[in-house]
N, C-alpha and C. Protein backbone atom coordinates (compact mmCIF):
# COMPACT_ATOMS: atom_id res chain seq x y z
N GLY A 1 1.53 -17.06 -2.09
CA GLY A 1 0.29 -16.01 -2.28
C GLY A 1 0.08 -16.09 -3.59
N PHE A 2 -1.46 -15.40 -3.82
CA PHE A 2 -1.40 -14.82 -4.84
C PHE A 2 -0.65 -14.50 -6.63
N GLY A 3 -0.11 -13.14 -5.11
CA GLY A 3 0.38 -12.47 -5.77
C GLY A 3 0.38 -11.86 -7.48
N THR A 4 0.73 -12.08 -7.41
CA THR A 4 0.70 -11.63 -9.68
C THR A 4 0.14 -12.44 -10.33
N GLY A 5 -0.41 -13.17 -9.76
CA GLY A 5 -1.65 -14.06 -10.59
C GLY A 5 -0.46 -14.86 -11.24
N LEU A 6 0.97 -15.29 -11.27
CA LEU A 6 1.47 -15.89 -12.56
C LEU A 6 1.22 -17.30 -12.75
N ASN A 7 1.52 -17.92 -11.18
CA ASN A 7 1.13 -19.33 -11.08
C ASN A 7 -0.58 -19.40 -12.02
N ALA A 8 -1.04 -18.81 -10.76
CA ALA A 8 -2.81 -18.63 -11.13
C ALA A 8 -2.86 -19.03 -12.92
N LEU A 9 -2.31 -17.88 -13.51
CA LEU A 9 -2.46 -18.14 -15.01
C LEU A 9 -1.19 -19.11 -15.70
N LEU A 10 -0.14 -19.54 -15.34
CA LEU A 10 0.54 -20.35 -16.22
C LEU A 10 -0.33 -22.40 -15.78
N THR A 11 -1.16 -22.67 -14.49
CA THR A 11 -1.76 -23.24 -14.69
C THR A 11 -3.36 -23.57 -15.58
N TRP A 12 -3.66 -22.16 -15.81
CA TRP A 12 -4.77 -21.81 -16.10
C TRP A 12 -3.96 -21.93 -18.37
N LEU A 13 -2.89 -21.53 -18.36
CA LEU A 13 -2.76 -21.96 -19.77
C LEU A 13 -2.53 -23.30 -19.97
N HIS A 14 -2.00 -24.10 -18.80
CA HIS A 14 -1.16 -25.29 -18.59
C HIS A 14 -2.15 -26.48 -18.57
N ALA A 15 -3.63 -26.39 -17.85
CA ALA A 15 -4.54 -27.32 -17.27
C ALA A 15 -5.62 -28.34 -18.34
N GLY A 16 -5.38 -27.61 -19.45
CA GLY A 16 -6.29 -28.27 -20.67
C GLY A 16 -7.41 -28.85 -20.69
N ASP A 17 -7.73 -29.69 -20.56
CA ASP A 17 -9.56 -30.39 -19.87
C ASP A 17 -9.27 -30.58 -18.51
N THR A 18 -7.89 -31.06 -17.26
CA THR A 18 -8.04 -31.27 -16.24
C THR A 18 -8.71 -30.66 -15.45
N PRO A 19 -9.30 -30.73 -14.29
CA PRO A 19 -10.54 -30.37 -13.96
C PRO A 19 -9.66 -29.50 -12.42
N ILE A 20 -9.38 -27.89 -12.28
CA ILE A 20 -9.16 -27.26 -11.36
C ILE A 20 -9.53 -26.46 -10.10
N ALA A 21 -8.97 -26.70 -9.62
CA ALA A 21 -9.90 -25.96 -7.84
C ALA A 21 -8.56 -25.38 -7.38
N TYR A 22 -8.96 -23.72 -7.78
CA TYR A 22 -7.20 -23.23 -7.37
C TYR A 22 -7.74 -22.43 -6.89
N THR A 23 -7.56 -22.54 -4.99
CA THR A 23 -6.88 -22.21 -3.51
C THR A 23 -5.98 -20.73 -3.91
N ALA A 24 -6.34 -20.21 -3.37
CA ALA A 24 -4.87 -19.02 -3.15
C ALA A 24 -5.39 -18.63 -1.70
N ILE A 25 -3.92 -17.86 -0.91
CA ILE A 25 -4.29 -16.59 -0.63
C ILE A 25 -3.55 -15.68 -0.57
N GLU A 26 -3.24 -14.23 -0.11
CA GLU A 26 -2.63 -13.46 -0.48
C GLU A 26 -3.25 -11.87 0.80
N ALA A 27 -2.20 -11.90 1.63
CA ALA A 27 -2.20 -11.12 2.56
C ALA A 27 -2.08 -9.52 1.79
N TYR A 28 -1.59 -9.48 0.95
CA TYR A 28 -0.93 -7.90 0.34
C TYR A 28 -1.90 -8.20 -1.12
N PRO A 29 -2.78 -7.65 -1.56
CA PRO A 29 -3.34 -7.90 -3.11
C PRO A 29 -3.05 -6.38 -3.66
N LEU A 30 -1.94 -7.09 -4.96
CA LEU A 30 -1.86 -5.64 -5.66
C LEU A 30 -2.82 -4.46 -5.89
N ALA A 31 -2.13 -3.45 -6.23
CA ALA A 31 -3.52 -3.07 -6.58
C ALA A 31 -3.61 -2.76 -8.31
N PRO A 32 -4.40 -2.14 -8.64
CA PRO A 32 -5.06 -2.55 -10.34
C PRO A 32 -4.37 -1.79 -10.54
N GLU A 33 -3.58 -0.32 -10.50
CA GLU A 33 -2.23 -0.24 -11.09
C GLU A 33 -1.24 -1.04 -11.12
N GLN A 34 -1.07 -1.61 -10.32
CA GLN A 34 -0.14 -1.93 -10.28
C GLN A 34 -0.10 -3.53 -11.56
N ILE A 35 -1.41 -4.49 -11.54
CA ILE A 35 -1.99 -5.21 -11.81
C ILE A 35 -1.88 -4.60 -13.43
N SER A 36 -2.20 -3.88 -14.38
CA SER A 36 -2.37 -3.52 -15.24
C SER A 36 -0.98 -2.63 -15.48
N ALA A 37 -0.08 -2.69 -14.97
CA ALA A 37 1.81 -2.95 -15.33
C ALA A 37 2.41 -4.15 -15.62
N LEU A 38 1.71 -5.22 -15.06
CA LEU A 38 2.08 -6.52 -15.90
C LEU A 38 1.72 -6.59 -16.92
N ASN A 39 3.25 -7.64 -17.83
CA ASN A 39 3.45 -7.85 -19.55
C ASN A 39 3.38 -9.06 -19.36
N TYR A 40 2.59 -9.91 -18.36
CA TYR A 40 2.57 -11.77 -19.21
C TYR A 40 2.65 -11.98 -19.74
N PRO A 41 0.85 -11.20 -20.23
CA PRO A 41 0.04 -12.29 -20.87
C PRO A 41 0.15 -11.11 -23.42
N GLN A 42 0.84 -10.14 -22.46
CA GLN A 42 2.23 -9.66 -23.69
C GLN A 42 3.15 -11.12 -24.12
N VAL A 43 3.87 -11.69 -22.82
CA VAL A 43 5.11 -12.16 -23.20
C VAL A 43 4.46 -13.49 -23.25
N LEU A 44 4.00 -14.64 -23.20
CA LEU A 44 3.07 -15.10 -22.97
C LEU A 44 2.45 -15.64 -24.48
N THR A 45 2.79 -16.91 -25.09
CA THR A 45 2.12 -16.68 -26.64
C THR A 45 1.03 -17.20 -26.86
N ASP A 46 0.13 -17.66 -25.60
CA ASP A 46 -0.61 -18.27 -25.60
C ASP A 46 -1.27 -16.91 -25.77
N PRO A 47 -2.96 -17.48 -26.84
CA PRO A 47 -3.89 -16.52 -27.53
C PRO A 47 -5.17 -16.76 -25.61
N GLN A 48 -5.14 -16.77 -25.12
CA GLN A 48 -5.86 -17.13 -24.05
C GLN A 48 -5.12 -16.00 -23.02
N ALA A 49 -3.96 -16.18 -22.79
CA ALA A 49 -3.13 -15.14 -21.83
C ALA A 49 -3.75 -13.73 -21.92
N THR A 50 -4.61 -13.24 -22.65
CA THR A 50 -5.14 -12.13 -22.01
C THR A 50 -5.87 -12.30 -21.85
N GLU A 51 -7.22 -12.60 -21.65
CA GLU A 51 -8.45 -13.30 -21.41
C GLU A 51 -8.31 -13.68 -20.01
N ALA A 52 -7.41 -15.11 -19.89
CA ALA A 52 -7.91 -15.77 -18.19
C ALA A 52 -6.48 -14.38 -17.44
N PHE A 53 -5.65 -13.63 -17.89
CA PHE A 53 -5.02 -12.98 -16.85
C PHE A 53 -6.79 -12.17 -16.35
N ALA A 54 -6.84 -10.86 -17.08
CA ALA A 54 -8.60 -10.79 -16.47
C ALA A 54 -9.43 -11.02 -15.85
N GLN A 55 -9.69 -12.32 -16.15
CA GLN A 55 -10.75 -13.25 -15.11
C GLN A 55 -10.04 -13.07 -14.15
N LEU A 56 -8.36 -13.95 -13.78
CA LEU A 56 -8.40 -14.39 -12.61
C LEU A 56 -8.07 -12.95 -11.86
N HIS A 57 -7.90 -11.60 -12.43
CA HIS A 57 -7.91 -10.61 -11.66
C HIS A 57 -8.86 -9.40 -11.01
N GLN A 58 -10.23 -9.95 -11.85
CA GLN A 58 -11.11 -9.44 -11.56
C GLN A 58 -11.99 -10.21 -10.67
N ALA A 59 -11.95 -11.25 -10.59
CA ALA A 59 -12.90 -12.63 -10.34
C ALA A 59 -12.45 -12.13 -8.03
N PRO A 60 -13.91 -11.52 -7.51
CA PRO A 60 -13.95 -11.12 -6.88
C PRO A 60 -12.89 -12.52 -5.74
N TRP A 61 -12.31 -11.51 -4.09
CA TRP A 61 -11.58 -12.28 -2.74
C TRP A 61 -12.89 -12.94 -2.20
N ASP A 62 -12.53 -14.10 -1.57
CA ASP A 62 -13.25 -14.56 -0.59
C ASP A 62 -14.83 -14.89 -1.40
N ALA A 63 -14.50 -15.47 -2.28
CA ALA A 63 -15.88 -16.15 -3.31
C ALA A 63 -15.23 -17.18 -4.04
N LEU A 64 -15.93 -18.23 -4.10
CA LEU A 64 -15.70 -19.62 -5.49
C LEU A 64 -16.38 -18.83 -6.69
N THR A 65 -15.61 -18.77 -7.86
CA THR A 65 -16.04 -18.24 -8.90
C THR A 65 -15.56 -18.88 -9.93
N PRO A 66 -16.16 -19.68 -10.33
CA PRO A 66 -16.07 -20.83 -11.81
C PRO A 66 -15.73 -19.53 -13.21
N LEU A 67 -14.31 -19.50 -13.25
CA LEU A 67 -13.63 -18.79 -15.00
C LEU A 67 -14.16 -19.63 -15.72
N ARG A 68 -14.38 -20.39 -16.09
CA ARG A 68 -14.77 -21.44 -17.25
C ARG A 68 -14.71 -23.04 -16.54
N PRO A 69 -15.30 -23.40 -17.84
CA PRO A 69 -15.47 -24.52 -17.94
C PRO A 69 -14.07 -25.35 -17.09
N GLY A 70 -14.80 -26.06 -15.59
CA GLY A 70 -13.95 -26.84 -15.16
C GLY A 70 -12.70 -26.29 -14.74
N PHE A 71 -12.87 -24.93 -14.56
CA PHE A 71 -11.42 -24.36 -13.31
C PHE A 71 -12.47 -22.80 -12.81
N THR A 72 -12.08 -23.30 -11.64
CA THR A 72 -12.71 -22.79 -10.06
C THR A 72 -11.43 -21.86 -9.33
N LEU A 73 -12.06 -20.47 -8.82
CA LEU A 73 -10.40 -19.94 -8.42
C LEU A 73 -11.42 -19.14 -6.87
N LEU A 74 -10.81 -19.71 -6.09
CA LEU A 74 -11.10 -19.16 -5.15
C LEU A 74 -9.57 -18.32 -4.13
N LYS A 75 -10.09 -17.06 -4.54
CA LYS A 75 -8.61 -15.89 -3.46
C LYS A 75 -9.96 -15.72 -2.54
N HIS A 76 -8.61 -15.70 -1.12
CA HIS A 76 -9.15 -15.73 -0.28
C HIS A 76 -7.99 -14.71 0.98
N ALA A 77 -7.89 -13.56 1.14
CA ALA A 77 -7.98 -12.25 1.62
C ALA A 77 -7.33 -12.28 2.58
N THR A 78 -5.94 -12.85 2.95
CA THR A 78 -5.56 -13.14 4.60
C THR A 78 -4.23 -13.41 4.58
N THR A 79 -3.11 -13.96 5.49
CA THR A 79 -2.22 -14.04 5.85
C THR A 79 -2.04 -15.66 5.97
N LEU A 80 -1.15 -16.45 5.55
CA LEU A 80 -1.23 -17.83 6.04
C LEU A 80 -0.78 -18.86 6.93
N GLU A 81 -0.53 -17.55 7.71
CA GLU A 81 -0.72 -17.49 9.84
C GLU A 81 -2.28 -17.43 9.90
N ALA A 82 -3.02 -17.16 9.49
CA ALA A 82 -4.95 -17.33 9.24
C ALA A 82 -5.26 -18.05 8.63
N TYR A 83 -5.28 -18.52 7.83
CA TYR A 83 -5.86 -18.95 6.90
C TYR A 83 -5.83 -20.76 8.22
N GLN A 84 -7.84 -21.17 7.12
CA GLN A 84 -8.15 -22.53 7.77
C GLN A 84 -8.59 -22.53 6.08
N PRO A 85 -7.62 -23.88 5.54
CA PRO A 85 -7.89 -24.65 4.71
C PRO A 85 -9.45 -25.58 4.91
N GLU A 86 -10.38 -25.44 3.99
CA GLU A 86 -11.35 -26.07 4.18
C GLU A 86 -11.38 -27.71 3.73
N GLY A 87 -10.64 -27.91 3.11
CA GLY A 87 -9.82 -29.09 2.78
C GLY A 87 -7.86 -29.40 2.62
N THR A 88 -8.26 -30.00 1.62
CA THR A 88 -6.55 -30.79 1.44
C THR A 88 -5.96 -30.32 0.05
N PHE A 89 -5.26 -30.28 -0.12
CA PHE A 89 -4.09 -29.76 -1.75
C PHE A 89 -3.88 -31.00 -2.18
N ASP A 90 -3.96 -31.21 -3.48
CA ASP A 90 -2.62 -31.65 -4.89
C ASP A 90 -1.78 -31.14 -4.87
N LEU A 91 -1.30 -29.64 -4.96
CA LEU A 91 -0.50 -28.92 -4.93
C LEU A 91 -0.46 -27.76 -4.46
N ILE A 92 0.51 -27.17 -4.49
CA ILE A 92 0.99 -25.65 -2.76
C ILE A 92 1.98 -25.27 -3.89
N TYR A 93 2.00 -24.44 -4.95
CA TYR A 93 3.20 -23.18 -5.35
C TYR A 93 3.45 -22.88 -4.43
N TYR A 94 5.02 -22.83 -3.53
CA TYR A 94 4.98 -22.00 -2.60
C TYR A 94 5.98 -20.77 -3.02
N ASP A 95 5.57 -20.14 -3.09
CA ASP A 95 6.25 -18.51 -3.73
C ASP A 95 5.99 -17.28 -2.59
N ALA A 96 6.48 -17.53 -0.79
CA ALA A 96 7.02 -16.61 -0.22
C ALA A 96 8.40 -15.89 -1.16
N PHE A 97 8.33 -14.60 0.24
CA PHE A 97 9.25 -14.37 -0.05
C PHE A 97 10.67 -14.90 0.66
N ALA A 98 11.82 -14.70 0.42
CA ALA A 98 12.87 -15.10 -0.47
C ALA A 98 12.88 -15.84 1.49
N PRO A 99 13.32 -16.77 1.92
CA PRO A 99 13.46 -17.21 3.81
C PRO A 99 14.42 -16.00 4.36
N ASN A 100 15.38 -15.06 3.74
CA ASN A 100 16.17 -14.34 4.36
C ASN A 100 15.13 -13.07 4.80
N ALA A 101 14.10 -12.71 3.81
CA ALA A 101 13.61 -11.51 3.87
C ALA A 101 11.92 -11.83 4.71
N GLN A 102 11.28 -12.70 4.66
CA GLN A 102 10.44 -13.43 5.12
C GLN A 102 11.07 -14.78 6.26
N PRO A 103 11.55 -14.67 7.42
CA PRO A 103 12.51 -16.13 7.77
C PRO A 103 11.08 -17.02 8.69
N GLU A 104 10.02 -16.45 9.20
CA GLU A 104 9.04 -16.94 9.74
C GLU A 104 8.24 -17.67 8.67
N LEU A 105 8.26 -17.83 7.30
CA LEU A 105 6.85 -18.40 6.49
C LEU A 105 8.12 -19.67 5.91
N TRP A 106 8.83 -19.48 6.27
CA TRP A 106 10.33 -20.60 6.07
C TRP A 106 10.33 -21.62 7.24
N SER A 107 9.64 -21.05 8.03
CA SER A 107 10.11 -21.94 9.41
C SER A 107 9.68 -23.50 9.27
N GLU A 108 10.28 -24.32 10.05
CA GLU A 108 9.75 -25.56 10.43
C GLU A 108 8.79 -26.48 10.88
N ALA A 109 7.53 -25.44 12.02
CA ALA A 109 6.46 -24.69 11.92
C ALA A 109 5.61 -25.31 10.31
N VAL A 110 6.19 -24.15 10.60
CA VAL A 110 4.99 -23.46 8.45
C VAL A 110 4.88 -24.58 7.86
N MET A 111 6.08 -25.73 7.27
CA MET A 111 6.36 -26.58 6.90
C MET A 111 5.49 -28.10 7.43
N ALA A 112 5.40 -27.90 8.62
CA ALA A 112 4.75 -28.87 9.17
C ALA A 112 3.37 -28.67 9.08
N ARG A 113 2.70 -27.42 8.81
CA ARG A 113 1.61 -27.78 8.65
C ARG A 113 1.23 -27.25 7.28
N LEU A 114 1.97 -26.93 6.52
CA LEU A 114 2.20 -26.85 5.30
C LEU A 114 1.34 -28.27 4.78
N PHE A 115 2.51 -29.17 5.69
CA PHE A 115 2.75 -30.45 4.52
C PHE A 115 1.11 -31.08 5.45
N THR A 116 0.77 -30.75 6.09
CA THR A 116 -0.55 -31.47 6.33
C THR A 116 -2.19 -30.56 5.67
N TRP A 117 -1.34 -30.21 4.74
CA TRP A 117 -2.59 -29.08 3.93
C TRP A 117 -2.81 -29.85 2.65
N LEU A 118 -1.34 -30.73 2.48
CA LEU A 118 -1.29 -31.73 1.41
C LEU A 118 -2.25 -32.99 1.24
N ASP A 119 -3.11 -33.74 0.19
CA ASP A 119 -2.90 -35.21 0.12
C ASP A 119 -2.48 -35.69 -0.10
N PRO A 120 -2.22 -37.05 0.46
CA PRO A 120 -1.37 -38.01 0.04
C PRO A 120 -0.20 -38.28 -1.37
N GLY A 121 0.58 -37.67 -1.73
CA GLY A 121 1.26 -37.82 -2.36
C GLY A 121 0.91 -36.32 -2.58
N GLY A 122 0.51 -35.40 -2.53
CA GLY A 122 0.72 -34.36 -2.90
C GLY A 122 2.01 -33.68 -2.87
N ILE A 123 1.88 -32.27 -4.03
CA ILE A 123 3.04 -31.93 -4.53
C ILE A 123 3.31 -30.12 -3.54
N PHE A 124 4.00 -30.76 -3.32
CA PHE A 124 5.31 -28.29 -2.83
C PHE A 124 5.57 -28.38 -3.18
N ILE A 125 5.88 -27.07 -4.54
CA ILE A 125 7.19 -27.15 -4.94
C ILE A 125 7.59 -25.05 -4.93
N THR A 126 8.51 -24.77 -4.37
CA THR A 126 8.83 -23.62 -4.11
C THR A 126 10.37 -23.07 -5.19
N TYR A 127 10.15 -22.34 -5.57
CA TYR A 127 11.69 -21.94 -6.16
C TYR A 127 12.70 -21.83 -4.93
N SER A 128 13.15 -21.71 -4.18
CA SER A 128 13.99 -21.26 -2.82
C SER A 128 14.46 -23.70 -2.59
N ALA A 129 16.39 -22.91 -3.04
CA ALA A 129 16.56 -24.30 -3.01
C ALA A 129 17.81 -24.03 -2.22
N LYS A 130 16.86 -23.72 -0.46
CA LYS A 130 18.37 -23.34 0.29
C LYS A 130 18.21 -24.53 0.52
N SER A 131 19.32 -24.48 1.88
CA SER A 131 19.45 -25.75 2.49
C SER A 131 18.81 -25.88 3.69
N SER A 132 18.69 -24.88 4.80
CA SER A 132 17.62 -24.86 5.59
C SER A 132 16.00 -24.73 5.33
N VAL A 133 15.22 -24.19 3.99
CA VAL A 133 14.20 -24.80 3.58
C VAL A 133 13.74 -26.02 3.39
N ARG A 134 15.28 -26.89 2.96
CA ARG A 134 15.57 -28.42 3.05
C ARG A 134 15.05 -28.81 4.30
N ARG A 135 15.82 -28.80 4.79
CA ARG A 135 15.95 -29.60 6.19
C ARG A 135 14.51 -28.74 6.44
N GLY A 136 14.06 -28.18 6.57
CA GLY A 136 12.19 -27.98 6.92
C GLY A 136 11.08 -28.91 6.75
N LEU A 137 11.84 -29.06 4.60
CA LEU A 137 10.82 -30.17 4.73
C LEU A 137 11.13 -31.36 5.31
N ILE A 138 12.10 -31.84 4.75
CA ILE A 138 12.61 -33.04 5.22
C ILE A 138 12.19 -33.05 7.26
N GLN A 139 11.89 -32.10 7.39
CA GLN A 139 11.38 -32.96 9.12
C GLN A 139 10.55 -32.85 9.57
N ALA A 140 9.67 -32.00 8.08
CA ALA A 140 7.76 -31.83 8.23
C ALA A 140 7.78 -33.71 7.88
N GLY A 141 8.51 -34.14 6.50
CA GLY A 141 8.00 -35.29 6.75
C GLY A 141 8.26 -35.52 4.99
N PHE A 142 8.24 -34.33 4.04
CA PHE A 142 8.17 -34.19 2.57
C PHE A 142 9.73 -35.20 2.57
N GLY A 143 9.38 -35.95 1.31
CA GLY A 143 10.23 -36.69 0.94
C GLY A 143 11.07 -34.99 -0.01
N VAL A 144 12.00 -34.99 -0.65
CA VAL A 144 12.40 -33.44 -1.02
C VAL A 144 13.32 -33.90 -2.11
N GLU A 145 13.57 -33.16 -3.30
CA GLU A 145 13.99 -33.33 -4.60
C GLU A 145 14.71 -31.65 -4.41
N LYS A 146 15.84 -31.54 -5.66
CA LYS A 146 16.26 -29.71 -6.01
C LYS A 146 15.62 -30.92 -7.97
N LEU A 147 15.19 -29.43 -8.35
CA LEU A 147 15.29 -29.47 -10.00
C LEU A 147 16.17 -28.33 -10.54
N PRO A 148 16.07 -27.84 -11.30
CA PRO A 148 16.63 -27.45 -12.67
C PRO A 148 15.45 -26.35 -12.36
N GLY A 149 15.98 -24.93 -12.05
CA GLY A 149 15.14 -23.41 -11.66
C GLY A 149 14.91 -22.79 -12.57
N PRO A 150 13.77 -21.83 -12.89
CA PRO A 150 13.88 -20.75 -14.31
C PRO A 150 14.55 -20.09 -14.41
N PRO A 151 14.21 -19.53 -15.62
CA PRO A 151 15.68 -18.26 -15.65
C PRO A 151 15.78 -17.80 -14.65
N GLY A 152 17.66 -17.42 -14.88
CA GLY A 152 18.48 -16.38 -13.35
C GLY A 152 18.27 -17.43 -11.71
N LYS A 153 17.98 -18.32 -12.42
CA LYS A 153 17.82 -19.69 -10.87
C LYS A 153 18.39 -20.49 -10.95
N ARG A 154 19.16 -20.93 -10.06
CA ARG A 154 20.23 -22.78 -10.99
C ARG A 154 19.06 -23.86 -10.37
N GLU A 155 18.83 -23.73 -9.00
CA GLU A 155 17.81 -25.12 -8.45
C GLU A 155 15.66 -24.41 -7.95
N MET A 156 15.29 -25.21 -7.57
CA MET A 156 14.00 -24.94 -6.71
C MET A 156 14.11 -26.34 -6.51
N LEU A 157 13.30 -26.61 -5.25
CA LEU A 157 12.92 -27.83 -4.98
C LEU A 157 11.23 -28.74 -5.16
N ARG A 158 11.14 -29.26 -5.07
CA ARG A 158 9.63 -30.18 -5.02
C ARG A 158 9.84 -31.08 -3.70
N ALA A 159 8.91 -30.79 -2.95
CA ALA A 159 8.80 -32.10 -1.71
C ALA A 159 7.42 -32.73 -2.40
N ARG A 160 7.15 -34.27 -1.99
CA ARG A 160 5.86 -34.67 -1.99
C ARG A 160 5.36 -35.14 -0.85
N ARG A 161 4.70 -35.46 -0.41
CA ARG A 161 3.77 -35.78 1.24
C ARG A 161 3.57 -37.81 0.43
N PRO A 162 4.20 -38.25 1.31
CA PRO A 162 4.45 -39.03 0.70
C PRO A 162 2.80 -39.90 1.24
N ARG A 163 2.56 -40.91 -0.24
CA ARG A 163 1.35 -41.36 -0.15
C ARG A 163 0.61 -41.89 1.04
N SER A 164 2.06 -43.10 1.48
CA SER A 164 1.84 -43.62 3.20
C SER A 164 2.66 -43.85 4.17
N PRO A 165 2.57 -43.81 5.41
CA PRO A 165 4.11 -43.57 6.78
C PRO A 165 4.59 -44.55 6.10
N LEU A 166 4.66 -45.92 5.71
CA LEU A 166 5.85 -47.40 4.73
C LEU A 166 6.45 -45.78 3.92
N GLU A 167 5.78 -45.85 2.98
CA GLU A 167 6.10 -44.79 1.63
C GLU A 167 7.49 -43.75 2.47
N SER A 168 7.28 -43.40 3.29
CA SER A 168 8.44 -42.91 2.98
C SER A 168 10.12 -42.80 4.05
N GLU A 169 9.55 -44.83 4.75
CA GLU A 169 10.91 -44.78 5.08
C GLU A 169 12.01 -45.14 4.10
């Protein structure tokens, strides 16, 4: 989900001139006081971080919002189960709560559904490296690899939807 907006903020700051149409879903949007308590703009060294963070969180829900040239944001206040994408995506950041906390969001059926949301060649990335998650991604048709995790996390997973049926063989 959109959560704290960290993935959206980092995407904004690192996109350069690459056009980004960022779509997010969030079942439980943070309250304004929770957002103001976050210190991401202070921790990140990019001078754009403070303004970008504010714009991301001030953007209305369920409305396509141009935030800067080449960067649009569409935040949906809904659940993963209820969401119906209008198209497909190049990249999915999957940061649901841990599989043992929300197992229903990590099932093979959910992974199969997310597979259909990606363009051929699209990337699915998650902090979880749990073997059950890896198996679910493989079962859904993804090619999966382990990557070094962020600080405090040994590994994470990157999965890719094959560009063609032949590529997955």
